C-alpha atoms as a PDB file:
ATOM      1  CA  MET A   1     -45.412 -24.476 -25.060  1.00  0.00           C
ATOM      2  CA  LEU A   2     -48.493 -26.644 -24.748  1.00  0.00           C
ATOM      3  CA  GLU A   3     -47.021 -29.079 -27.250  1.00  0.00           C
ATOM      4  CA  VAL A   4     -44.155 -29.579 -24.832  1.00  0.00           C
ATOM      5  CA  VAL A   5     -46.601 -30.174 -21.949  1.00  0.00           C
ATOM      6  CA  LEU A   6     -48.435 -32.743 -24.056  1.00  0.00           C
ATOM      7  CA  ALA A   7     -45.222 -34.461 -25.117  1.00  0.00           C
ATOM      8  CA  VAL A   8     -43.961 -34.707 -21.521  1.00  0.00           C
ATOM      9  CA  GLY A   9     -47.295 -35.969 -20.357  1.00  0.00           C
ATOM     10  CA  ASN A  10     -47.363 -38.628 -23.121  1.00  0.00           C
ATOM     11  CA  PHE A  11     -43.827 -39.692 -22.160  1.00  0.00           C
ATOM     12  CA  MET A  12     -44.739 -40.024 -18.523  1.00  0.00           C
ATOM     13  CA  ASN A  13     -47.858 -42.011 -19.329  1.00  0.00           C
ATOM     14  CA  LYS A  14     -46.439 -44.224 -22.030  1.00  0.00           C
ATOM     15  CA  GLY A  15     -47.933 -47.695 -21.812  1.00  0.00           C
ATOM     16  CA  GLN A  16     -51.171 -46.343 -20.293  1.00  0.00           C
ATOM     17  CA  ARG A  17     -52.545 -43.168 -21.909  1.00  0.00           C
ATOM     18  CA  GLY A  18     -49.309 -42.099 -23.602  1.00  0.00           C
ATOM     19  CA  GLY A  19     -50.855 -41.542 -26.969  1.00  0.00           C
ATOM     20  CA  ALA A  20     -52.981 -38.537 -26.124  1.00  0.00           C
ATOM     21  CA  TYR A  21     -53.807 -35.986 -28.698  1.00  0.00           C
ATOM     22  CA  GLY A  22     -54.654 -33.302 -26.206  1.00  0.00           C
ATOM     23  CA  PHE A  23     -55.496 -32.596 -22.542  1.00  0.00           C
ATOM     24  CA  ARG A  24     -57.936 -30.646 -20.535  1.00  0.00           C
ATOM     25  CA  VAL A  25     -56.882 -27.094 -19.602  1.00  0.00           C
ATOM     26  CA  ALA A  26     -57.846 -27.842 -16.060  1.00  0.00           C
ATOM     27  CA  SER A  27     -55.141 -30.484 -15.842  1.00  0.00           C
ATOM     28  CA  LEU A  28     -52.447 -27.735 -16.138  1.00  0.00           C
ATOM     29  CA  ASN A  29     -53.105 -27.021 -12.401  1.00  0.00           C
ATOM     30  CA  LYS A  30     -51.484 -30.430 -11.639  1.00  0.00           C
ATOM     31  CA  ILE A  31     -48.160 -29.478 -13.110  1.00  0.00           C
ATOM     32  CA  ALA A  32     -46.900 -27.628 -10.107  1.00  0.00           C
ATOM     33  CA  ASP A  33     -48.246 -30.429  -7.770  1.00  0.00           C
ATOM     34  CA  THR A  34     -46.487 -33.289  -9.616  1.00  0.00           C
ATOM     35  CA  LYS A  35     -43.204 -33.858  -7.768  1.00  0.00           C
ATOM     36  CA  SER A  36     -40.027 -35.638  -8.781  1.00  0.00           C
ATOM     37  CA  SER A  37     -39.574 -39.127  -7.152  1.00  0.00           C
ATOM     38  CA  ILE A  38     -35.817 -38.228  -6.584  1.00  0.00           C
ATOM     39  CA  ASP A  39     -36.081 -34.713  -5.324  1.00  0.00           C
ATOM     40  CA  ARG A  40     -39.419 -33.689  -3.865  1.00  0.00           C
ATOM     41  CA  ASN A  41     -38.455 -30.002  -4.236  1.00  0.00           C
ATOM     42  CA  ILE A  42     -38.527 -30.241  -8.017  1.00  0.00           C
ATOM     43  CA  SER A  43     -41.919 -30.212  -9.680  1.00  0.00           C
ATOM     44  CA  LEU A  44     -42.988 -30.971 -13.266  1.00  0.00           C
ATOM     45  CA  LEU A  45     -43.236 -27.241 -13.676  1.00  0.00           C
ATOM     46  CA  HIS A  46     -39.567 -26.820 -12.908  1.00  0.00           C
ATOM     47  CA  TYR A  47     -38.696 -29.565 -15.347  1.00  0.00           C
ATOM     48  CA  LEU A  48     -40.900 -27.976 -18.116  1.00  0.00           C
ATOM     49  CA  ILE A  49     -39.158 -24.601 -17.549  1.00  0.00           C
ATOM     50  CA  MET A  50     -35.763 -26.251 -17.899  1.00  0.00           C
ATOM     51  CA  ILE A  51     -36.864 -27.883 -21.184  1.00  0.00           C
ATOM     52  CA  LEU A  52     -38.228 -24.604 -22.519  1.00  0.00           C
ATOM     53  CA  GLU A  53     -35.073 -22.681 -21.507  1.00  0.00           C
ATOM     54  CA  LYS A  54     -32.852 -25.195 -23.233  1.00  0.00           C
ATOM     55  CA  HIS A  55     -34.786 -25.961 -26.428  1.00  0.00           C
ATOM     56  CA  PHE A  56     -37.081 -23.031 -26.819  1.00  0.00           C
ATOM     57  CA  PRO A  57     -35.402 -19.927 -25.216  1.00  0.00           C
ATOM     58  CA  ASP A  58     -37.464 -17.457 -27.284  1.00  0.00           C
ATOM     59  CA  ILE A  59     -40.648 -18.633 -25.590  1.00  0.00           C
ATOM     60  CA  LEU A  60     -39.414 -17.014 -22.395  1.00  0.00           C
ATOM     61  CA  ASN A  61     -40.119 -13.621 -24.079  1.00  0.00           C
ATOM     62  CA  MET A  62     -43.810 -14.401 -24.273  1.00  0.00           C
ATOM     63  CA  PRO A  63     -44.806 -12.239 -21.277  1.00  0.00           C
ATOM     64  CA  SER A  64     -43.415  -9.124 -23.040  1.00  0.00           C
ATOM     65  CA  GLU A  65     -45.316 -10.084 -26.220  1.00  0.00           C
ATOM     66  CA  LEU A  66     -48.575 -10.204 -24.219  1.00  0.00           C
ATOM     67  CA  GLN A  67     -48.192  -6.788 -22.569  1.00  0.00           C
ATOM     68  CA  HIS A  68     -50.908  -5.274 -24.805  1.00  0.00           C
ATOM     69  CA  LEU A  69     -53.364  -8.035 -24.204  1.00  0.00           C
ATOM     70  CA  PRO A  70     -55.427  -6.272 -21.473  1.00  0.00           C
ATOM     71  CA  GLU A  71     -56.053  -3.383 -23.898  1.00  0.00           C
ATOM     72  CA  ALA A  72     -56.913  -5.661 -26.619  1.00  0.00           C
ATOM     73  CA  ALA A  73     -59.493  -7.449 -24.450  1.00  0.00           C
ATOM     74  CA  LYS A  74     -61.348  -4.217 -24.119  1.00  0.00           C
ATOM     75  CA  VAL A  75     -62.036  -3.942 -27.864  1.00  0.00           C
ATOM     76  CA  LYS A  76     -65.624  -4.821 -28.767  1.00  0.00           C
END
């Protein structure tokens, strides 16, 4: 999923900083705030979800795969 975020970011920034090898986790907060220039109701988050649904539908099962994470976090 993060590879798709990086690829889209590189595509959007090509010519400037489009060859990034990574990004700061804090920059993920900007995904929902980055709006389409054509339809201001569509954010980059919406677009990323559409890409993931189309090309990586299995990734949408990720929340169910993480259901045991809170219990695992308690292990010392």
